[in-house]
Every structure is written in structure tokens, then in C-alpha cells.
């Protein structure tokens, strides 16, 4: 839950700062963007792996509906991880070229 809330708040804050033009085209914002998205990708990857492990190990103890909800949570956390990794790669490419 920490990872989801942290990434939502941080991404929304960065998006709103970019929209209002607070970055001013400075390279420090490119560095901040790359660092944040690499950190978010790492957080989401660790949370995804832990959620998948919990789902596998507690497979027999769950009600069928709860087990499917956990599987859905694992799938969507890996999708979020993939999206953050893709954005981190593009941010690092932009950071390298700046």
C-alpha cells in the first residue's frame, strides 16, 4: 500500500509541477525525473515480487475469490512496474542526452 500511495502522490505532484511550468527547462528536473522513476520502478518491482510470493505461499489458505483478487493484484502490479521501467528508460535516455 505504501508503494501505491507514494507513487501516486509523487507522480501527481511531478505532473502538476510540469503542467504549471515550474521546471523551467532546467536539467536538474530531468535528473529528478530519471531518479524518481528508477526509484518507483524498484519499489513497484519489490512490491510485485512480495505480492506474488504471498499469493503463491498462501494459495491453500485463501477463499477462491480472495485468491483471484490476489492474482489480479499481482498482474496489475507487474503492469505498473513495466510502465515505470519504460518511463525510467526513456527518462535516462533524455537525461543522458541533456
PDB file of N, CA and C in Angstrom:
ATOM      1  N   UNK A   1       0.826  -1.189   0.000  1.00  0.00           N
ATOM      2  CA  UNK A   1       0.000   0.000   0.000  1.00  0.00           C
ATOM      3  C   UNK A   1       0.872   1.255   0.000  1.00  0.00           C
ATOM      4  N   UNK A   2       1.987   1.209   0.709  1.00  0.00           N
ATOM      5  CA  UNK A   2       2.891   2.356   0.749  1.00  0.00           C
ATOM      6  C   UNK A   2       3.377   2.714  -0.649  1.00  0.00           C
ATOM      7  N   UNK A   3       3.752   1.703  -1.416  1.00  0.00           N
ATOM      8  CA  UNK A   3       4.292   1.946  -2.751  1.00  0.00           C
ATOM      9  C   UNK A   3       3.250   2.615  -3.642  1.00  0.00           C
ATOM     10  N   UNK A   4       2.039   2.117  -3.621  1.00  0.00           N
ATOM     11  CA  UNK A   4       0.983   2.685  -4.465  1.00  0.00           C
ATOM     12  C   UNK A   4       0.673   4.124  -4.091  1.00  0.00           C
ATOM     13  N   UNK A   5       0.519   4.381  -2.820  1.00  0.00           N
ATOM     14  CA  UNK A   5       0.188   5.738  -2.377  1.00  0.00           C
ATOM     15  C   UNK A   5       1.353   6.690  -2.627  1.00  0.00           C
ATOM     16  N   UNK A   6       2.567   6.262  -2.308  1.00  0.00           N
ATOM     17  CA  UNK A   6       3.744   7.105  -2.522  1.00  0.00           C
ATOM     18  C   UNK A   6       3.905   7.455  -3.995  1.00  0.00           C
ATOM     19  N   UNK A   7       3.815   6.452  -4.867  1.00  0.00           N
ATOM     20  CA  UNK A   7       3.997   6.705  -6.294  1.00  0.00           C
ATOM     21  C   UNK A   7       2.869   7.548  -6.868  1.00  0.00           C
ATOM     22  N   UNK A   8       1.657   7.344  -6.396  1.00  0.00           N
ATOM     23  CA  UNK A   8       0.538   8.165  -6.870  1.00  0.00           C
ATOM     24  C   UNK A   8       0.741   9.626  -6.490  1.00  0.00           C
ATOM     25  N   UNK A   9       1.078   9.874  -5.243  1.00  0.00           N
ATOM     26  CA  UNK A   9       1.257  11.257  -4.780  1.00  0.00           C
ATOM     27  C   UNK A   9       2.454  11.904  -5.481  1.00  0.00           C
ATOM     28  N   UNK A  10       3.560  11.192  -5.574  1.00  0.00           N
ATOM     29  CA  UNK A  10       4.757  11.763  -6.196  1.00  0.00           C
ATOM     30  C   UNK A  10       4.554  12.002  -7.687  1.00  0.00           C
ATOM     31  N   UNK A  11       3.922  11.067  -8.379  1.00  0.00           N
ATOM     32  CA  UNK A  11       3.684  11.237  -9.807  1.00  0.00           C
ATOM     33  C   UNK A  11       2.710  12.379 -10.063  1.00  0.00           C
ATOM     34  N   UNK A  12       1.662  12.482  -9.261  1.00  0.00           N
ATOM     35  CA  UNK A  12       0.704  13.578  -9.414  1.00  0.00           C
ATOM     36  C   UNK A  12       1.361  14.921  -9.135  1.00  0.00           C
ATOM     37  N   UNK A  13       2.216  14.965  -8.143  1.00  0.00           N
ATOM     38  CA  UNK A  13       2.933  16.209  -7.829  1.00  0.00           C
ATOM     39  C   UNK A  13       3.865  16.608  -8.969  1.00  0.00           C
ATOM     40  N   UNK A  14       4.643  15.645  -9.478  1.00  0.00           N
ATOM     41  CA  UNK A  14       5.544  15.961 -10.585  1.00  0.00           C
ATOM     42  C   UNK A  14       4.773  16.382 -11.834  1.00  0.00           C
ATOM     43  N   UNK A  15       3.660  15.700 -12.110  1.00  0.00           N
ATOM     44  CA  UNK A  15       2.856  16.048 -13.273  1.00  0.00           C
ATOM     45  C   UNK A  15       2.305  17.464 -13.149  1.00  0.00           C
ATOM     46  N   UNK A  16       1.788  17.803 -11.983  1.00  0.00           N
ATOM     47  CA  UNK A  16       1.236  19.153 -11.804  1.00  0.00           C
ATOM     48  C   UNK A  16       2.342  20.205 -11.887  1.00  0.00           C
ATOM     49  N   UNK A  17       3.538  19.903 -11.390  1.00  0.00           N
ATOM     50  CA  UNK A  17       4.650  20.859 -11.497  1.00  0.00           C
ATOM     51  C   UNK A  17       5.082  21.043 -12.950  1.00  0.00           C
ATOM     52  N   UNK A  18       5.072  19.952 -13.715  1.00  0.00           N
ATOM     53  CA  UNK A  18       5.397  20.072 -15.135  1.00  0.00           C
ATOM     54  C   UNK A  18       4.331  20.869 -15.876  1.00  0.00           C
ATOM     55  N   UNK A  19       3.070  20.654 -15.539  1.00  0.00           N
ATOM     56  CA  UNK A  19       1.982  21.349 -16.234  1.00  0.00           C
ATOM     57  C   UNK A  19       2.036  22.854 -15.984  1.00  0.00           C
ATOM     58  N   UNK A  20       2.332  23.254 -14.742  1.00  0.00           N
ATOM     59  CA  UNK A  20       2.383  24.692 -14.456  1.00  0.00           C
ATOM     60  C   UNK A  20       3.707  25.321 -14.888  1.00  0.00           C
ATOM     61  N   UNK A  21       4.645  24.507 -15.347  1.00  0.00           N
ATOM     62  CA  UNK A  21       5.900  25.031 -15.873  1.00  0.00           C
ATOM     63  C   UNK A  21       6.934  25.365 -14.833  1.00  0.00           C
ATOM     64  N   UNK A  22       6.880  24.721 -13.692  1.00  0.00           N
ATOM     65  CA  UNK A  22       7.839  25.011 -12.617  1.00  0.00           C
ATOM     66  C   UNK A  22       9.252  24.543 -12.955  1.00  0.00           C
ATOM     67  N   UNK A  23       9.370  23.631 -13.904  1.00  0.00           N
ATOM     68  CA  UNK A  23      10.693  23.086 -14.227  1.00  0.00           C
ATOM     69  C   UNK A  23      11.560  24.078 -14.982  1.00  0.00           C
ATOM     70  N   UNK A  24      10.985  24.939 -15.794  1.00  0.00           N
ATOM     71  CA  UNK A  24      11.747  25.968 -16.495  1.00  0.00           C
ATOM     72  C   UNK A  24      12.769  25.423 -17.474  1.00  0.00           C
ATOM     73  N   UNK A  25      12.676  24.161 -17.841  1.00  0.00           N
ATOM     74  CA  UNK A  25      13.598  23.572 -18.804  1.00  0.00           C
ATOM     75  C   UNK A  25      14.982  23.274 -18.248  1.00  0.00           C
ATOM     76  N   UNK A  26      15.125  23.258 -16.943  1.00  0.00           N
ATOM     77  CA  UNK A  26      16.433  23.010 -16.335  1.00  0.00           C
ATOM     78  C   UNK A  26      16.768  21.522 -16.342  1.00  0.00           C
ATOM     79  N   UNK A  27      18.062  21.215 -16.394  1.00  0.00           N
ATOM     80  CA  UNK A  27      18.493  19.816 -16.433  1.00  0.00           C
ATOM     81  C   UNK A  27      18.330  19.124 -15.086  1.00  0.00           C
ATOM     82  N   UNK A  28      18.235  19.885 -14.014  1.00  0.00           N
ATOM     83  CA  UNK A  28      18.042  19.253 -12.707  1.00  0.00           C
ATOM     84  C   UNK A  28      16.689  18.549 -12.638  1.00  0.00           C
ATOM     85  N   UNK A  29      15.689  19.052 -13.366  1.00  0.00           N
ATOM     86  CA  UNK A  29      14.382  18.396 -13.394  1.00  0.00           C
ATOM     87  C   UNK A  29      14.452  17.084 -14.166  1.00  0.00           C
ATOM     88  N   UNK A  30      15.281  17.033 -15.184  1.00  0.00           N
ATOM     89  CA  UNK A  30      15.477  15.790 -15.936  1.00  0.00           C
ATOM     90  C   UNK A  30      16.125  14.752 -15.026  1.00  0.00           C
ATOM     91  N   UNK A  31      17.079  15.177 -14.227  1.00  0.00           N
ATOM     92  CA  UNK A  31      17.727  14.278 -13.275  1.00  0.00           C
ATOM     93  C   UNK A  31      16.734  13.810 -12.213  1.00  0.00           C
ATOM     94  N   UNK A  32      15.904  14.712 -11.709  1.00  0.00           N
ATOM     95  CA  UNK A  32      14.892  14.356 -10.727  1.00  0.00           C
ATOM     96  C   UNK A  32      13.896  13.359 -11.313  1.00  0.00           C
ATOM     97  N   UNK A  33      13.470  13.588 -12.548  1.00  0.00           N
ATOM     98  CA  UNK A  33      12.524  12.693 -13.214  1.00  0.00           C
ATOM     99  C   UNK A  33      13.118  11.299 -13.376  1.00  0.00           C
ATOM    100  N   UNK A  34      14.362  11.221 -13.823  1.00  0.00           N
ATOM    101  CA  UNK A  34      15.015   9.921 -14.007  1.00  0.00           C
ATOM    102  C   UNK A  34      15.208   9.207 -12.670  1.00  0.00           C
ATOM    103  N   UNK A  35      15.645   9.928 -11.656  1.00  0.00           N
ATOM    104  CA  UNK A  35      15.859   9.314 -10.343  1.00  0.00           C
ATOM    105  C   UNK A  35      14.548   8.832  -9.733  1.00  0.00           C
ATOM    106  N   UNK A  36      13.500   9.645  -9.858  1.00  0.00           N
ATOM    107  CA  UNK A  36      12.210   9.251  -9.289  1.00  0.00           C
ATOM    108  C   UNK A  36      11.663   8.001  -9.971  1.00  0.00           C
ATOM    109  N   UNK A  37      11.690   7.963 -11.286  1.00  0.00           N
ATOM    110  CA  UNK A  37      11.099   6.831 -11.972  1.00  0.00           C
ATOM    111  C   UNK A  37      11.921   5.554 -11.795  1.00  0.00           C
ATOM    112  N   UNK A  38      13.221   5.669 -11.650  1.00  0.00           N
ATOM    113  CA  UNK A  38      14.029   4.484 -11.321  1.00  0.00           C
ATOM    114  C   UNK A  38      13.689   3.979  -9.916  1.00  0.00           C
ATOM    115  N   UNK A  39      13.526   4.894  -8.973  1.00  0.00           N
ATOM    116  CA  UNK A  39      13.149   4.515  -7.611  1.00  0.00           C
ATOM    117  C   UNK A  39      11.755   3.907  -7.574  1.00  0.00           C
ATOM    118  N   UNK A  40      10.818   4.512  -8.289  1.00  0.00           N
ATOM    119  CA  UNK A  40       9.449   3.984  -8.325  1.00  0.00           C
ATOM    120  C   UNK A  40       9.411   2.602  -8.955  1.00  0.00           C
ATOM    121  N   UNK A  41      10.187   2.397 -10.012  1.00  0.00           N
ATOM    122  CA  UNK A  41      10.238   1.073 -10.652  1.00  0.00           C
ATOM    123  C   UNK A  41      10.804   0.034  -9.686  1.00  0.00           C
ATOM    124  N   UNK A  42      11.821   0.410  -8.930  1.00  0.00           N
ATOM    125  CA  UNK A  42      12.396  -0.510  -7.946  1.00  0.00           C
ATOM    126  C   UNK A  42      11.398  -0.826  -6.838  1.00  0.00           C
ATOM    127  N   UNK A  43      10.698   0.196  -6.348  1.00  0.00           N
ATOM    128  CA  UNK A  43       9.668  -0.018  -5.319  1.00  0.00           C
ATOM    129  C   UNK A  43       8.565  -0.941  -5.819  1.00  0.00           C
ATOM    130  N   UNK A  44       8.062  -0.668  -7.020  1.00  0.00           N
ATOM    131  CA  UNK A  44       6.982  -1.487  -7.560  1.00  0.00           C
ATOM    132  C   UNK A  44       7.444  -2.909  -7.833  1.00  0.00           C
ATOM    133  N   UNK A  45       8.683  -3.076  -8.302  1.00  0.00           N
ATOM    134  CA  UNK A  45       9.195  -4.426  -8.541  1.00  0.00           C
ATOM    135  C   UNK A  45       9.271  -5.214  -7.241  1.00  0.00           C
ATOM    136  N   UNK A  46       9.775  -4.586  -6.188  1.00  0.00           N
ATOM    137  CA  UNK A  46       9.868  -5.294  -4.910  1.00  0.00           C
ATOM    138  C   UNK A  46       8.483  -5.622  -4.355  1.00  0.00           C
ATOM    139  N   UNK A  47       7.543  -4.691  -4.478  1.00  0.00           N
ATOM    140  CA  UNK A  47       6.187  -4.964  -4.008  1.00  0.00           C
ATOM    141  C   UNK A  47       5.522  -6.052  -4.840  1.00  0.00           C
ATOM    142  N   UNK A  48       5.768  -6.075  -6.138  1.00  0.00           N
ATOM    143  CA  UNK A  48       5.186  -7.097  -7.012  1.00  0.00           C
ATOM    144  C   UNK A  48       5.707  -8.486  -6.675  1.00  0.00           C
ATOM    145  N   UNK A  49       7.001  -8.574  -6.454  1.00  0.00           N
ATOM    146  CA  UNK A  49       7.595  -9.874  -6.113  1.00  0.00           C
ATOM    147  C   UNK A  49       7.066 -10.366  -4.766  1.00  0.00           C
ATOM    148  N   UNK A  50       6.974  -9.478  -3.794  1.00  0.00           N
ATOM    149  CA  UNK A  50       6.450  -9.876  -2.488  1.00  0.00           C
ATOM    150  C   UNK A  50       4.983 -10.281  -2.557  1.00  0.00           C
ATOM    151  N   UNK A  51       4.187  -9.583  -3.353  1.00  0.00           N
ATOM    152  CA  UNK A  51       2.780  -9.937  -3.512  1.00  0.00           C
ATOM    153  C   UNK A  51       2.629 -11.285  -4.213  1.00  0.00           C
ATOM    154  N   UNK A  52       3.461 -11.523  -5.223  1.00  0.00           N
ATOM    155  CA  UNK A  52       3.414 -12.820  -5.909  1.00  0.00           C
ATOM    156  C   UNK A  52       3.826 -13.948  -4.970  1.00  0.00           C
ATOM    157  N   UNK A  53       4.842 -13.720  -4.162  1.00  0.00           N
ATOM    158  CA  UNK A  53       5.274 -14.728  -3.198  1.00  0.00           C
ATOM    159  C   UNK A  53       4.187 -15.013  -2.173  1.00  0.00           C
ATOM    160  N   UNK A  54       3.543 -13.980  -1.685  1.00  0.00           N
ATOM    161  CA  UNK A  54       2.463 -14.165  -0.714  1.00  0.00           C
ATOM    162  C   UNK A  54       1.292 -14.919  -1.334  1.00  0.00           C
ATOM    163  N   UNK A  55       1.005 -14.632  -2.587  1.00  0.00           N
ATOM    164  CA  UNK A  55      -0.087 -15.323  -3.264  1.00  0.00           C
ATOM    165  C   UNK A  55       0.235 -16.796  -3.470  1.00  0.00           C
ATOM    166  N   UNK A  56       1.470 -17.097  -3.811  1.00  0.00           N
ATOM    167  CA  UNK A  56       1.855 -18.493  -4.040  1.00  0.00           C
ATOM    168  C   UNK A  56       1.878 -19.279  -2.734  1.00  0.00           C
ATOM    169  N   UNK A  57       2.464 -18.712  -1.695  1.00  0.00           N
ATOM    170  CA  UNK A  57       2.622 -19.463  -0.447  1.00  0.00           C
ATOM    171  C   UNK A  57       1.316 -19.633   0.313  1.00  0.00           C
ATOM    172  N   UNK A  58       0.401 -18.695   0.169  1.00  0.00           N
ATOM    173  CA  UNK A  58      -0.866 -18.782   0.891  1.00  0.00           C
ATOM    174  C   UNK A  58      -2.002 -19.255  -0.005  1.00  0.00           C
ATOM    175  N   UNK A  59      -1.673 -19.939  -1.061  1.00  0.00           N
ATOM    176  CA  UNK A  59      -2.651 -20.379  -2.049  1.00  0.00           C
ATOM    177  C   UNK A  59      -3.753 -21.232  -1.432  1.00  0.00           C
ATOM    178  N   UNK A  60      -3.407 -22.150  -0.547  1.00  0.00           N
ATOM    179  CA  UNK A  60      -4.397 -23.056   0.015  1.00  0.00           C
ATOM    180  C   UNK A  60      -5.243 -22.414   1.110  1.00  0.00           C
ATOM    181  N   UNK A  61      -4.747 -21.367   1.739  1.00  0.00           N
ATOM    182  CA  UNK A  61      -5.470 -20.758   2.843  1.00  0.00           C
ATOM    183  C   UNK A  61      -6.510 -19.736   2.427  1.00  0.00           C
ATOM    184  N   UNK A  62      -6.529 -19.361   1.152  1.00  0.00           N
ATOM    185  CA  UNK A  62      -7.447 -18.319   0.686  1.00  0.00           C
ATOM    186  C   UNK A  62      -8.770 -18.894   0.210  1.00  0.00           C
ATOM    187  N   UNK A  63      -9.790 -18.087   0.352  1.00  0.00           N
ATOM    188  CA  UNK A  63     -11.048 -18.379  -0.310  1.00  0.00           C
ATOM    189  C   UNK A  63     -10.809 -18.158  -1.801  1.00  0.00           C
ATOM    190  N   UNK A  64     -11.517 -18.888  -2.634  1.00  0.00           N
ATOM    191  CA  UNK A  64     -11.312 -18.843  -4.079  1.00  0.00           C
ATOM    192  C   UNK A  64     -11.377 -17.418  -4.620  1.00  0.00           C
ATOM    193  N   UNK A  65     -12.314 -16.621  -4.140  1.00  0.00           N
ATOM    194  CA  UNK A  65     -12.459 -15.235  -4.595  1.00  0.00           C
ATOM    195  C   UNK A  65     -11.249 -14.402  -4.187  1.00  0.00           C
ATOM    196  N   UNK A  66     -10.791 -14.558  -2.971  1.00  0.00           N
ATOM    197  CA  UNK A  66      -9.636 -13.792  -2.494  1.00  0.00           C
ATOM    198  C   UNK A  66      -8.371 -14.175  -3.252  1.00  0.00           C
ATOM    199  N   UNK A  67      -8.247 -15.444  -3.593  1.00  0.00           N
ATOM    200  CA  UNK A  67      -7.085 -15.897  -4.357  1.00  0.00           C
ATOM    201  C   UNK A  67      -7.070 -15.222  -5.733  1.00  0.00           C
ATOM    202  N   UNK A  68      -8.229 -15.135  -6.374  1.00  0.00           N
ATOM    203  CA  UNK A  68      -8.293 -14.468  -7.675  1.00  0.00           C
ATOM    204  C   UNK A  68      -8.031 -12.970  -7.549  1.00  0.00           C
ATOM    205  N   UNK A  69      -8.469 -12.366  -6.476  1.00  0.00           N
ATOM    206  CA  UNK A  69      -8.179 -10.945  -6.260  1.00  0.00           C
ATOM    207  C   UNK A  69      -6.678 -10.722  -6.098  1.00  0.00           C
ATOM    208  N   UNK A  70      -6.010 -11.627  -5.396  1.00  0.00           N
ATOM    209  CA  UNK A  70      -4.558 -11.504  -5.243  1.00  0.00           C
ATOM    210  C   UNK A  70      -3.834 -11.712  -6.568  1.00  0.00           C
ATOM    211  N   UNK A  71      -4.330 -12.628  -7.381  1.00  0.00           N
ATOM    212  CA  UNK A  71      -3.726 -12.828  -8.699  1.00  0.00           C
ATOM    213  C   UNK A  71      -3.879 -11.560  -9.536  1.00  0.00           C
ATOM    214  N   UNK A  72      -5.059 -10.945  -9.493  1.00  0.00           N
ATOM    215  CA  UNK A  72      -5.274  -9.690 -10.217  1.00  0.00           C
ATOM    216  C   UNK A  72      -4.343  -8.587  -9.697  1.00  0.00           C
ATOM    217  N   UNK A  73      -4.150  -8.546  -8.391  1.00  0.00           N
ATOM    218  CA  UNK A  73      -3.243  -7.553  -7.811  1.00  0.00           C
ATOM    219  C   UNK A  73      -1.813  -7.765  -8.298  1.00  0.00           C
ATOM    220  N   UNK A  74      -1.400  -9.021  -8.405  1.00  0.00           N
ATOM    221  CA  UNK A  74      -0.053  -9.319  -8.893  1.00  0.00           C
ATOM    222  C   UNK A  74       0.087  -8.893 -10.352  1.00  0.00           C
ATOM    223  N   UNK A  75      -0.899  -9.214 -11.168  1.00  0.00           N
ATOM    224  CA  UNK A  75      -0.832  -8.862 -12.590  1.00  0.00           C
ATOM    225  C   UNK A  75      -0.765  -7.350 -12.769  1.00  0.00           C
ATOM    226  N   UNK A  76      -1.628  -6.616 -12.075  1.00  0.00           N
ATOM    227  CA  UNK A  76      -1.624  -5.168 -12.230  1.00  0.00           C
ATOM    228  C   UNK A  76      -0.386  -4.521 -11.626  1.00  0.00           C
ATOM    229  N   UNK A  77       0.179  -5.102 -10.595  1.00  0.00           N
ATOM    230  CA  UNK A  77       1.413  -4.534 -10.052  1.00  0.00           C
ATOM    231  C   UNK A  77       2.578  -4.749 -11.012  1.00  0.00           C
ATOM    232  N   UNK A  78       2.585  -5.877 -11.724  1.00  0.00           N
ATOM    233  CA  UNK A  78       3.628  -6.077 -12.732  1.00  0.00           C
ATOM    234  C   UNK A  78       3.421  -5.154 -13.931  1.00  0.00           C
ATOM    235  N   UNK A  79       2.178  -4.864 -14.282  1.00  0.00           N
ATOM    236  CA  UNK A  79       1.920  -3.909 -15.361  1.00  0.00           C
ATOM    237  C   UNK A  79       2.406  -2.515 -14.942  1.00  0.00           C
ATOM    238  N   UNK A  80       2.119  -2.119 -13.719  1.00  0.00           N
ATOM    239  CA  UNK A  80       2.592  -0.822 -13.223  1.00  0.00           C
ATOM    240  C   UNK A  80       4.116  -0.789 -13.193  1.00  0.00           C
ATOM    241  N   UNK A  81       4.738  -1.890 -12.793  1.00  0.00           N
ATOM    242  CA  UNK A  81       6.196  -1.968 -12.779  1.00  0.00           C
ATOM    243  C   UNK A  81       6.745  -1.787 -14.191  1.00  0.00           C
ATOM    244  N   UNK A  82       6.140  -2.469 -15.145  1.00  0.00           N
ATOM    245  CA  UNK A  82       6.585  -2.358 -16.533  1.00  0.00           C
ATOM    246  C   UNK A  82       6.475  -0.919 -17.032  1.00  0.00           C
ATOM    247  N   UNK A  83       5.378  -0.257 -16.728  1.00  0.00           N
ATOM    248  CA  UNK A  83       5.206   1.125 -17.171  1.00  0.00           C
ATOM    249  C   UNK A  83       6.222   2.065 -16.528  1.00  0.00           C
ATOM    250  N   UNK A  84       6.499   1.864 -15.244  1.00  0.00           N
ATOM    251  CA  UNK A  84       7.510   2.698 -14.593  1.00  0.00           C
ATOM    252  C   UNK A  84       8.909   2.408 -15.149  1.00  0.00           C
ATOM    253  N   UNK A  85       9.198   1.164 -15.477  1.00  0.00           N
ATOM    254  CA  UNK A  85      10.506   0.824 -16.055  1.00  0.00           C
ATOM    255  C   UNK A  85      10.653   1.468 -17.433  1.00  0.00           C
ATOM    256  N   UNK A  86       9.609   1.396 -18.248  1.00  0.00           N
ATOM    257  CA  UNK A  86       9.660   2.017 -19.571  1.00  0.00           C
ATOM    258  C   UNK A  86       9.881   3.515 -19.442  1.00  0.00           C
ATOM    259  N   UNK A  87       9.156   4.143 -18.539  1.00  0.00           N
ATOM    260  CA  UNK A  87       9.342   5.581 -18.351  1.00  0.00           C
ATOM    261  C   UNK A  87      10.739   5.887 -17.799  1.00  0.00           C
ATOM    262  N   UNK A  88      11.235   5.042 -16.930  1.00  0.00           N
ATOM    263  CA  UNK A  88      12.586   5.252 -16.388  1.00  0.00           C
ATOM    264  C   UNK A  88      13.637   5.141 -17.494  1.00  0.00           C
ATOM    265  N   UNK A  89      13.467   4.200 -18.404  1.00  0.00           N
ATOM    266  CA  UNK A  89      14.419   4.055 -19.510  1.00  0.00           C
ATOM    267  C   UNK A  89      14.403   5.302 -20.385  1.00  0.00           C
ATOM    268  N   UNK A  90      13.210   5.777 -20.748  1.00  0.00           N
ATOM    269  CA  UNK A  90      13.130   6.990 -21.555  1.00  0.00           C
ATOM    270  C   UNK A  90      13.652   8.209 -20.794  1.00  0.00           C
ATOM    271  N   UNK A  91      13.438   8.266 -19.495  1.00  0.00           N
ATOM    272  CA  UNK A  91      13.973   9.368 -18.692  1.00  0.00           C
ATOM    273  C   UNK A  91      15.497   9.325 -18.650  1.00  0.00           C
ATOM    274  N   UNK A  92      16.048   8.131 -18.550  1.00  0.00           N
ATOM    275  CA  UNK A  92      17.522   8.009 -18.548  1.00  0.00           C
ATOM    276  C   UNK A  92      18.111   8.357 -19.897  1.00  0.00           C
ATOM    277  N   UNK A  93      17.421   8.009 -20.974  1.00  0.00           N
ATOM    278  CA  UNK A  93      17.889   8.400 -22.305  1.00  0.00           C
ATOM    279  C   UNK A  93      17.859   9.913 -22.453  1.00  0.00           C
ATOM    280  N   UNK A  94      16.780  10.548 -21.983  1.00  0.00           N
ATOM    281  CA  UNK A  94      16.676  12.006 -22.036  1.00  0.00           C
ATOM    282  C   UNK A  94      17.731  12.658 -21.144  1.00  0.00           C
ATOM    283  N   UNK A  95      17.982  12.041 -19.968  1.00  0.00           N
ATOM    284  CA  UNK A  95      18.991  12.584 -19.044  1.00  0.00           C
ATOM    285  C   UNK A  95      20.384  12.502 -19.661  1.00  0.00           C
ATOM    286  N   UNK A  96      20.660  11.399 -20.361  1.00  0.00           N
ATOM    287  CA  UNK A  96      21.976  11.223 -20.978  1.00  0.00           C
ATOM    288  C   UNK A  96      22.196  12.230 -22.104  1.00  0.00           C
ATOM    289  N   UNK A  97      21.142  12.540 -22.831  1.00  0.00           N
ATOM    290  CA  UNK A  97      21.294  13.473 -23.947  1.00  0.00           C
ATOM    291  C   UNK A  97      21.310  14.935 -23.517  1.00  0.00           C
ATOM    292  N   UNK A  98      20.926  15.215 -22.279  1.00  0.00           N
ATOM    293  CA  UNK A  98      20.904  16.617 -21.833  1.00  0.00           C
ATOM    294  C   UNK A  98      22.223  17.053 -21.238  1.00  0.00           C
TER     295      UNK A  98
END
